[in-house]
Amino acid sequence: MKKHIPNTITCLNLFSGCIGVLMALKGDYMTTAYCVLASGIFDFFDGMVARLLHVKSNIGKELDSLADMVSFGFLPGAILYMLLSEVFIEQPLFAYLGFVVTVFSALRLAKFNLDERQTTDFIGLNTPMNTFYVLSLPFIAEKYPDIILNPFFLLISTALTSFLLVSEIRLFSMKLSSLAWSENKYKFIFVILAVVLFAVLQFVALPIILLSYILLSLLHFQRLK
């Protein structure tokens, strides 16, 4: 019975992601945000539960990637498609470029499954972090429409995040082998900074949190050299 618990959690990630895609295509970004948050929580705990119960399996690994492809691959593509649809009203075909992120998310997930260097950390931006960044854009657009709802900004964001997904930039994961400050200083700083920034700025904070994550990761691995 217990061997099915992690896969059930993964399926909840997939289920939430499916609803999130539908809500994004309806323009209901707040419900989409709740779905992304739920998928992120399920994605964090499925692997942890599998390790705690000693029931890690190949099917669980494959199912996890398939669920992530929807929740953190198709979903951000759908958000970008909707935003690009608003700025390319007379050239609607350009809106489909939002799904370039979906394609590169698939490449990133396939690479992750085969890359033995990514057992404890990431090489390239992980898909959940990228999704949270993309999710922030429609909310920031409510305050700063001239910046976000700009075709050049959206296309550059699509290209840049797609590049980061498959880049060779080494980024830390939140897996902790211990709670020692000396080993996890930059991870703890990131968590504190992310919580404070989101509490103050809410969705506007997410691009800043992403940038902080990349910079702190670079400092973390520079210290380990």
Protein backbone atom coordinates (compact mmCIF):
# COMPACT_ATOMS: atom_id res chain seq x y z
CA MET A 1 0.00 0.00 0.00
CA LYS A 2 2.70 2.48 1.01
CA LYS A 3 4.46 2.13 -2.36
CA HIS A 4 1.52 3.93 -3.99
CA ILE A 5 1.64 6.99 -1.71
CA PRO A 6 4.43 8.91 -3.54
CA ASN A 7 2.86 8.23 -6.95
CA THR A 8 -0.51 9.43 -5.64
CA ILE A 9 1.12 12.69 -4.57
CA THR A 10 2.70 13.00 -8.02
CA CYS A 11 -0.71 12.44 -9.63
CA LEU A 12 -2.09 15.28 -7.51
CA ASN A 13 0.67 17.45 -8.96
CA LEU A 14 -0.50 16.47 -12.45
CA PHE A 15 -4.18 17.00 -11.61
CA SER A 16 -3.50 20.45 -10.19
CA GLY A 17 -1.39 21.33 -13.22
CA CYS A 18 -4.20 20.37 -15.60
CA ILE A 19 -6.62 22.66 -13.80
CA GLY A 20 -3.98 25.39 -13.77
CA VAL A 21 -3.62 25.20 -17.56
CA LEU A 22 -7.38 25.55 -18.05
CA MET A 23 -7.53 28.51 -15.67
CA ALA A 24 -4.60 30.20 -17.43
CA LEU A 25 -6.32 29.83 -20.80
CA LYS A 26 -9.42 31.44 -19.27
CA GLY A 27 -7.33 34.32 -17.92
CA ASP A 28 -8.05 33.38 -14.30
CA TYR A 29 -4.48 33.84 -13.09
CA MET A 30 -5.25 33.85 -9.37
CA THR A 31 -6.69 30.34 -9.55
CA THR A 32 -3.74 29.42 -11.76
CA ALA A 33 -1.43 30.67 -9.01
CA TYR A 34 -3.11 28.44 -6.44
CA CYS A 35 -2.75 25.48 -8.79
CA VAL A 36 0.95 26.19 -9.38
CA LEU A 37 1.51 26.49 -5.63
CA ALA A 38 -0.29 23.19 -5.03
CA SER A 39 1.71 21.48 -7.78
CA GLY A 40 4.93 22.87 -6.31
CA ILE A 41 4.07 21.48 -2.88
CA PHE A 42 3.15 18.07 -4.29
CA ASP A 43 6.32 18.04 -6.42
CA PHE A 44 8.46 18.80 -3.36
CA PHE A 45 6.93 16.11 -1.19
CA ASP A 46 6.52 13.17 -3.59
CA GLY A 47 10.26 12.46 -3.78
CA MET A 48 10.73 13.13 -0.07
CA VAL A 49 7.97 10.67 0.84
CA ALA A 50 9.40 8.06 -1.54
CA ARG A 51 12.79 8.32 0.17
CA LEU A 52 11.31 8.23 3.67
CA LEU A 53 9.23 5.15 2.87
CA HIS A 54 12.05 3.52 0.87
CA VAL A 55 9.77 3.01 -2.12
CA LYS A 56 11.65 4.86 -4.87
CA SER A 57 10.84 3.35 -8.26
CA ASN A 58 11.48 3.87 -11.97
CA ILE A 59 7.79 4.42 -12.64
CA GLY A 60 7.75 7.11 -9.96
CA LYS A 61 10.66 8.88 -11.64
CA GLU A 62 8.98 8.80 -15.05
CA LEU A 63 5.59 9.82 -13.64
CA ASP A 64 7.21 12.76 -11.87
CA SER A 65 8.64 14.07 -15.15
CA LEU A 66 5.32 13.65 -16.95
CA ALA A 67 3.49 15.54 -14.21
CA ASP A 68 6.12 18.29 -14.23
CA MET A 69 5.79 18.58 -18.01
CA VAL A 70 2.17 19.66 -17.54
CA SER A 71 2.46 21.70 -14.33
CA PHE A 72 5.80 23.36 -15.07
CA GLY A 73 6.09 22.99 -18.85
CA PHE A 74 2.74 23.33 -20.58
CA LEU A 75 1.32 25.69 -17.95
CA PRO A 76 3.96 28.47 -18.25
CA GLY A 77 3.68 28.16 -22.03
CA ALA A 78 -0.07 28.71 -21.74
CA ILE A 79 0.47 31.84 -19.62
CA LEU A 80 2.96 33.28 -22.11
CA TYR A 81 0.60 32.41 -24.97
CA MET A 82 -2.19 34.38 -23.29
CA LEU A 83 0.06 37.39 -22.64
CA LEU A 84 1.45 37.37 -26.17
CA SER A 85 -2.12 37.14 -27.51
CA GLU A 86 -2.82 40.49 -25.86
CA VAL A 87 0.09 42.25 -27.58
CA PHE A 88 -0.04 40.51 -30.96
CA ILE A 89 -3.72 41.05 -31.68
CA GLU A 90 -3.12 41.68 -35.38
CA GLN A 91 -0.46 38.94 -35.70
CA PRO A 92 -1.96 36.12 -33.60
CA LEU A 93 0.53 33.52 -34.84
CA PHE A 94 3.27 35.21 -32.79
CA ALA A 95 1.39 34.26 -29.62
CA TYR A 96 2.29 30.61 -30.20
CA LEU A 97 5.92 31.49 -29.51
CA GLY A 98 4.99 31.31 -25.83
CA PHE A 99 5.07 27.54 -26.16
CA VAL A 100 8.79 27.67 -26.94
CA VAL A 101 9.15 27.59 -23.14
CA THR A 102 7.13 24.36 -23.12
CA VAL A 103 9.50 22.80 -25.66
CA PHE A 104 12.59 23.80 -23.68
CA SER A 105 10.97 22.61 -20.45
CA ALA A 106 10.61 19.17 -22.06
CA LEU A 107 14.28 19.26 -23.08
CA ARG A 108 15.25 20.31 -19.56
CA LEU A 109 13.25 17.50 -17.93
CA ALA A 110 14.66 14.89 -20.33
CA LYS A 111 18.18 16.17 -19.66
CA PHE A 112 17.61 16.06 -15.90
CA ASN A 113 16.54 12.41 -16.01
CA LEU A 114 19.73 11.38 -17.80
CA ASP A 115 22.29 13.77 -16.31
CA GLU A 116 24.08 12.07 -13.40
CA ARG A 117 25.59 15.41 -12.37
CA GLN A 118 22.17 16.57 -11.11
CA THR A 119 21.61 14.14 -8.27
CA THR A 120 21.97 16.77 -5.53
CA ASP A 121 21.88 20.10 -7.40
CA PHE A 122 20.67 21.48 -10.71
CA ILE A 123 22.45 22.33 -13.93
CA GLY A 124 20.19 24.82 -15.65
CA LEU A 125 17.11 26.50 -14.24
CA ASN A 126 14.60 24.04 -12.80
CA THR A 127 11.11 24.11 -14.30
CA PRO A 128 9.18 25.02 -11.10
CA MET A 129 11.33 28.13 -10.53
CA ASN A 130 10.83 29.15 -14.15
CA THR A 131 7.07 28.65 -13.82
CA PHE A 132 6.87 30.89 -10.76
CA TYR A 133 8.66 33.62 -12.72
CA VAL A 134 6.28 33.31 -15.69
CA LEU A 135 3.32 33.22 -13.31
CA SER A 136 4.35 36.59 -11.88
CA LEU A 137 4.09 38.37 -15.24
CA PRO A 138 0.29 38.78 -15.53
CA PHE A 139 0.15 40.08 -11.95
CA ILE A 140 2.97 42.55 -12.51
CA ALA A 141 1.23 43.59 -15.74
CA GLU A 142 -1.69 44.87 -13.66
CA LYS A 143 0.64 47.48 -12.11
CA TYR A 144 3.13 47.98 -14.92
CA PRO A 145 1.35 47.13 -18.19
CA ASP A 146 3.67 49.27 -20.31
CA ILE A 147 6.63 47.13 -19.24
CA ILE A 148 5.16 43.63 -19.21
CA LEU A 149 2.67 43.89 -22.07
CA ASN A 150 5.41 44.85 -24.45
CA PRO A 151 6.13 42.43 -27.30
CA PHE A 152 9.90 42.82 -26.99
CA PHE A 153 9.86 42.18 -23.23
CA LEU A 154 7.69 39.08 -23.58
CA LEU A 155 9.72 37.64 -26.45
CA ILE A 156 13.02 38.33 -24.67
CA SER A 157 11.63 36.73 -21.49
CA THR A 158 10.59 33.68 -23.49
CA ALA A 159 14.01 33.38 -25.12
CA LEU A 160 15.98 34.04 -21.92
CA THR A 161 14.08 31.59 -19.73
CA SER A 162 14.24 28.95 -22.47
CA PHE A 163 18.02 29.39 -22.57
CA LEU A 164 18.32 29.18 -18.78
CA LEU A 165 16.35 25.92 -18.70
CA VAL A 166 18.98 24.09 -20.77
CA SER A 167 22.04 26.12 -19.76
CA GLU A 168 25.09 24.75 -17.94
CA ILE A 169 24.67 27.16 -15.02
CA ARG A 170 24.94 25.23 -11.75
CA LEU A 171 22.16 26.06 -9.28
CA PHE A 172 21.58 24.66 -5.81
CA SER A 173 18.55 22.59 -4.88
CA MET A 174 16.84 22.83 -1.51
CA LYS A 175 17.84 19.29 -0.54
CA LEU A 176 19.78 19.47 2.73
CA SER A 177 22.26 16.83 3.85
CA SER A 178 22.46 18.65 7.19
CA LEU A 179 21.19 21.80 8.88
CA ALA A 180 24.68 23.22 9.40
CA TRP A 181 24.89 26.93 8.60
CA SER A 182 28.37 26.60 7.15
CA GLU A 183 27.18 24.11 4.51
CA ASN A 184 23.87 25.77 3.67
CA LYS A 185 24.47 29.47 4.31
CA TYR A 186 23.36 30.67 0.89
CA LYS A 187 20.35 28.34 0.84
CA PHE A 188 19.15 29.71 4.18
CA ILE A 189 19.76 33.28 3.03
CA PHE A 190 17.73 32.56 -0.11
CA VAL A 191 14.76 31.18 1.85
CA ILE A 192 14.72 34.15 4.25
CA LEU A 193 15.12 36.64 1.41
CA ALA A 194 12.38 34.98 -0.67
CA VAL A 195 9.90 34.99 2.23
CA VAL A 196 10.58 38.64 3.10
CA LEU A 197 10.44 39.81 -0.51
CA PHE A 198 7.20 37.99 -1.24
CA ALA A 199 5.61 39.25 1.98
CA VAL A 200 6.44 42.84 1.01
CA LEU A 201 6.11 42.84 -2.78
CA GLN A 202 3.96 39.74 -3.43
CA PHE A 203 4.05 38.67 -7.10
CA VAL A 204 6.31 41.58 -8.06
CA ALA A 205 8.96 39.89 -5.92
CA LEU A 206 9.16 36.71 -8.01
CA PRO A 207 11.54 38.03 -10.72
CA ILE A 208 13.77 39.44 -7.95
CA ILE A 209 13.64 36.09 -6.15
CA LEU A 210 14.67 34.31 -9.36
CA LEU A 211 17.62 36.66 -9.84
CA SER A 212 18.60 36.21 -6.18
CA TYR A 213 18.45 32.44 -6.60
CA ILE A 214 20.85 32.54 -9.54
CA LEU A 215 23.29 34.95 -7.84
CA LEU A 216 23.30 33.08 -4.52
CA SER A 217 23.81 29.79 -6.36
CA LEU A 218 26.85 31.23 -8.10
CA LEU A 219 28.23 32.38 -4.74
CA HIS A 220 27.44 29.00 -3.16
CA PHE A 221 29.37 27.01 -5.75
CA GLN A 222 32.18 29.55 -5.93
CA ARG A 223 32.71 28.99 -2.20
CA LEU A 224 32.90 25.22 -2.72
CA LYS A 225 35.72 25.47 -5.26
